[in-house]
Protein backbone atom coordinates (compact mmCIF):
# COMPACT_ATOMS: atom_id res chain seq x y z
CA MET A 1 45.10 -21.39 -6.12
CA LEU A 2 44.53 -17.96 -7.61
CA HIS A 3 41.43 -19.23 -9.39
CA ALA A 4 40.16 -20.80 -6.18
CA ALA A 5 40.70 -17.56 -4.21
CA ALA A 6 38.91 -15.53 -6.87
CA ALA A 7 35.99 -17.95 -6.80
CA VAL A 8 35.77 -17.67 -3.01
CA ARG A 9 35.91 -13.87 -3.18
CA THR A 10 33.22 -13.81 -5.86
CA GLU A 11 30.99 -16.05 -3.75
CA GLN A 12 31.41 -13.74 -0.73
CA VAL A 13 30.23 -10.65 -2.59
CA ARG A 14 27.53 -12.32 -4.65
CA PRO A 15 24.24 -10.51 -3.82
CA GLY A 16 22.34 -13.74 -3.25
CA SER A 17 25.03 -15.52 -1.25
CA LYS A 18 24.31 -16.89 2.22
CA ALA A 19 27.22 -14.92 3.67
CA LEU A 20 25.39 -11.64 3.02
CA MET A 21 21.90 -12.80 3.99
CA PRO A 22 22.12 -11.76 7.68
CA LEU A 23 22.97 -8.18 6.65
CA PHE A 24 20.87 -7.98 3.51
CA PRO A 25 17.89 -10.35 3.76
CA PRO A 26 15.85 -10.91 0.61
CA ASP A 27 12.68 -8.91 0.06
CA SER A 28 10.55 -11.95 0.82
CA ALA A 29 12.11 -12.31 4.25
CA VAL A 30 11.63 -8.62 5.00
CA SER A 31 8.01 -8.62 3.92
CA SER A 32 7.19 -11.77 5.87
CA SER A 33 8.79 -10.47 9.06
CA HIS A 34 6.78 -7.24 8.81
CA SER A 35 3.43 -8.79 7.91
CA ARG A 36 0.48 -7.72 9.99
CA LEU A 37 -2.10 -10.10 11.37
CA ARG A 38 -5.46 -8.38 11.03
CA SER A 39 -8.27 -10.82 10.45
CA PRO A 40 -11.70 -9.52 9.45
CA GLY A 41 -13.11 -10.64 12.79
CA ASN A 42 -10.43 -8.73 14.66
CA ARG A 43 -11.19 -5.62 12.61
CA VAL A 44 -14.82 -5.79 13.64
CA VAL A 45 -13.91 -6.19 17.31
CA GLN A 46 -11.41 -3.36 17.06
CA GLY A 47 -14.02 -1.16 15.45
CA LEU A 48 -16.49 -1.86 18.23
CA LEU A 49 -13.87 -1.10 20.88
CA LEU A 50 -12.86 2.16 19.20
CA SER A 51 -16.50 3.14 18.84
CA GLY A 52 -16.96 2.41 22.53
CA GLY A 53 -13.98 4.62 23.33
CA ALA A 54 -15.52 7.39 21.24
CA ALA A 55 -18.80 7.06 23.14
CA LEU A 56 -16.93 7.14 26.46
CA LEU A 57 -15.02 10.25 25.41
CA ALA A 58 -18.20 12.00 24.27
CA ALA A 59 -20.03 11.06 27.47
CA THR A 60 -17.26 12.24 29.80
CA ALA A 61 -14.75 14.76 28.50
CA GLY A 62 -17.11 15.77 25.71
CA ALA A 63 -19.85 16.49 28.24
CA ASP A 64 -17.41 18.34 30.55
CA ARG A 65 -17.83 15.72 33.27
CA ILE A 66 -14.06 15.41 33.36
CA PRO A 67 -11.52 17.99 32.17
CA PHE A 68 -10.63 18.17 28.50
CA TYR A 69 -7.00 17.26 29.18
CA TRP A 70 -8.06 13.65 29.71
CA THR A 71 -8.80 13.41 25.97
CA PRO A 72 -5.35 12.20 24.75
CA LEU A 73 -5.21 9.50 27.43
CA ILE A 74 -8.72 8.22 26.67
CA LEU A 75 -7.83 8.11 22.98
CA GLY A 76 -4.58 6.29 23.72
CA LEU A 77 -6.20 3.70 25.98
CA SER A 78 -8.92 3.09 23.39
CA TYR A 79 -6.30 2.35 20.75
CA LEU A 80 -4.31 0.28 23.24
CA VAL A 81 -7.25 -2.03 23.93
CA ALA A 82 -7.85 -2.33 20.18
CA ALA A 83 -4.17 -3.15 19.61
CA ILE A 84 -4.25 -5.91 22.24
CA VAL A 85 -7.02 -7.64 20.27
CA ASP A 86 -4.62 -8.18 17.35
CA GLY A 87 -1.71 -9.33 19.47
CA PRO A 88 1.96 -8.35 19.17
CA ARG A 89 1.96 -8.30 15.36
CA GLY A 90 -1.38 -6.55 14.90
CA GLY A 91 -2.20 -2.93 14.25
CA TYR A 92 -2.51 0.33 16.23
CA TRP A 93 0.43 -0.23 18.60
CA ALA A 94 2.25 2.90 17.41
CA THR A 95 -0.83 5.10 17.77
CA ALA A 96 -1.70 3.60 21.15
CA LEU A 97 1.76 4.07 22.64
CA GLY A 98 2.22 7.59 21.29
CA LEU A 99 -1.12 8.85 22.58
CA THR A 100 -0.92 7.04 25.90
CA GLY A 101 2.56 8.32 26.72
CA TRP A 102 1.61 11.87 25.85
CA GLY A 103 -1.77 11.53 27.57
CA LEU A 104 -0.24 10.38 30.85
CA ALA A 105 1.99 13.43 30.90
CA VAL A 106 -0.93 15.73 30.11
CA VAL A 107 -3.06 14.25 32.89
CA TYR A 108 -0.14 14.51 35.32
CA ILE A 109 0.32 18.20 34.56
CA GLY A 110 -3.41 18.87 34.62
CA ASP A 111 -4.26 17.01 37.83
CA VAL A 112 -1.13 17.39 39.94
CA ARG A 113 -0.20 20.87 38.67
CA PRO A 114 3.40 20.71 39.90
CA PRO A 115 4.67 24.29 40.30
CA ASP A 116 8.28 23.46 39.46
CA VAL A 117 7.69 21.35 36.32
CA ASP A 118 7.45 22.87 32.84
CA PRO A 119 4.48 21.39 30.90
CA ALA A 120 6.32 21.28 27.58
CA GLY A 121 9.16 19.34 29.14
CA ALA A 122 6.72 16.93 30.77
CA TYR A 123 5.00 16.31 27.42
CA LEU A 124 8.35 15.59 25.76
CA ALA A 125 9.27 13.22 28.59
CA GLY A 126 5.97 11.37 28.19
CA VAL A 127 6.48 10.93 24.46
CA GLY A 128 10.11 9.93 24.99
CA LEU A 129 9.16 7.25 27.52
CA ALA A 130 6.54 5.97 25.08
CA ALA A 131 9.27 5.71 22.43
CA VAL A 132 11.44 3.72 24.86
CA VAL A 133 8.55 1.33 25.55
CA ALA A 134 7.97 0.99 21.80
CA ALA A 135 11.63 0.11 21.24
CA VAL A 136 11.58 -2.50 24.01
CA LEU A 137 8.38 -4.07 22.70
CA ARG A 138 9.76 -4.11 19.16
CA ARG A 139 12.76 -6.11 20.38
CA ARG A 140 10.32 -8.59 21.88
CA GLY A 141 8.62 -9.15 18.54
CA PHE A 142 5.93 -6.48 18.53
CA LEU A 143 5.28 -4.90 15.15
CA ILE A 144 5.40 -1.15 15.83
CA SER A 145 5.74 1.29 12.97
CA ASP A 146 8.30 4.08 13.42
CA LEU A 147 6.41 6.16 10.87
CA GLY A 148 3.11 5.55 12.63
CA PHE A 149 4.55 6.56 16.00
CA ALA A 150 6.14 9.71 14.57
CA ALA A 151 2.95 10.64 12.70
CA THR A 152 0.89 10.22 15.88
CA VAL A 153 3.18 12.46 17.90
CA ALA A 154 3.34 15.04 15.09
CA ALA A 155 -0.45 15.10 14.73
CA GLY A 156 -0.90 15.53 18.48
CA GLY A 157 1.65 18.33 18.62
CA LEU A 158 0.10 20.05 15.61
CA ALA A 159 -3.36 19.92 17.16
CA LEU A 160 -1.98 21.37 20.39
CA ALA A 161 -0.10 24.12 18.56
CA LEU A 162 -3.12 25.13 16.44
CA THR A 163 -5.64 25.08 19.29
CA PRO A 164 -5.52 28.89 19.80
CA ARG A 165 -6.45 29.36 16.12
CA ALA A 166 -9.30 26.83 16.23
CA SER A 167 -10.81 27.45 19.63
CA GLY A 168 -14.04 25.56 20.09
CA THR A 169 -12.95 22.80 17.71
CA LEU A 170 -9.50 21.54 18.60
CA ASP A 171 -10.12 22.10 22.29
CA ASP A 172 -13.44 20.23 22.21
CA ALA A 173 -13.33 16.54 23.14
CA GLY A 174 -16.38 15.98 20.94
CA THR A 175 -14.21 16.63 17.87
CA TYR A 176 -11.87 13.79 18.76
CA ALA A 177 -14.76 11.55 19.78
CA ILE A 178 -16.22 11.96 16.30
CA ALA A 179 -12.84 11.22 14.67
CA LEU A 180 -12.37 8.10 16.79
CA GLY A 181 -15.92 7.00 16.04
CA VAL A 182 -15.29 7.33 12.31
CA VAL A 183 -12.23 5.06 12.61
CA GLY A 184 -14.30 2.58 14.60
CA VAL A 185 -17.16 2.50 12.10
CA PHE A 186 -14.67 2.15 9.22
CA ASN A 187 -13.21 -0.95 10.87
CA VAL A 188 -16.61 -2.47 11.61
CA VAL A 189 -17.82 -1.93 8.05
CA GLY A 190 -14.54 -3.01 6.46
CA GLY A 191 -14.15 -6.09 8.62
CA GLY A 192 -17.80 -7.04 8.18
CA TYR A 193 -17.52 -6.73 4.41
CA GLN A 194 -14.45 -8.97 4.41
CA LEU A 195 -16.27 -11.56 6.53
CA VAL A 196 -19.29 -11.62 4.22
CA ARG A 197 -17.13 -11.70 1.11
CA GLY A 198 -15.01 -14.50 2.55
CA ARG A 199 -18.04 -16.63 3.30
CA ARG A 200 -19.56 -15.97 -0.10
CA PHE A 201 -16.48 -17.07 -2.01
CA ALA A 202 -15.44 -19.82 0.37
CA PRO A 203 -15.20 -23.25 -1.36
CA THR A 204 -18.18 -25.46 -0.61
CA GLN A 205 -17.62 -28.99 0.58
CA VAL A 206 -19.41 -31.73 -1.35
């Protein structure tokens, strides 16, 4: 009986045992559950959508037809549309949610101008609500990167904090339109190259 108990105890703590798999899944299971679905065709469509968002930003906020504070929301919605193309396990969800949540708060403060609401608190609330939405979507199977969300929020906050030192650049919607356009062109070129390469090396049927 002592040998049997020792064998059972050894089986329970064995790294590859089924008893430990729910808590410590193998690397293959982790990698497969976090795999992204970005086909070359989707990359091209995403690139076109992001380029369209850049053109919209340059033609509106960049041309001072609407206030500059609409810039984060336009960026966020552009990424959101691009993320929808890939579906729940595609790319850009973290960037889209971070920018959209912050952008909604910025537009609220800029348009409504509530006298009894602190702008910094409103921005934090917008980002916090975006994080809640990200957590809910992640539980429903959406692939949303924590690092990507945090990096988006940090980059937005850094740009806002450094605006007084880079007046005319960081407070110009044209700057962000160019950056978004570069991301769009990169996706179009990268996805197009993958499509051409895939067709060139595809097996021919006899």
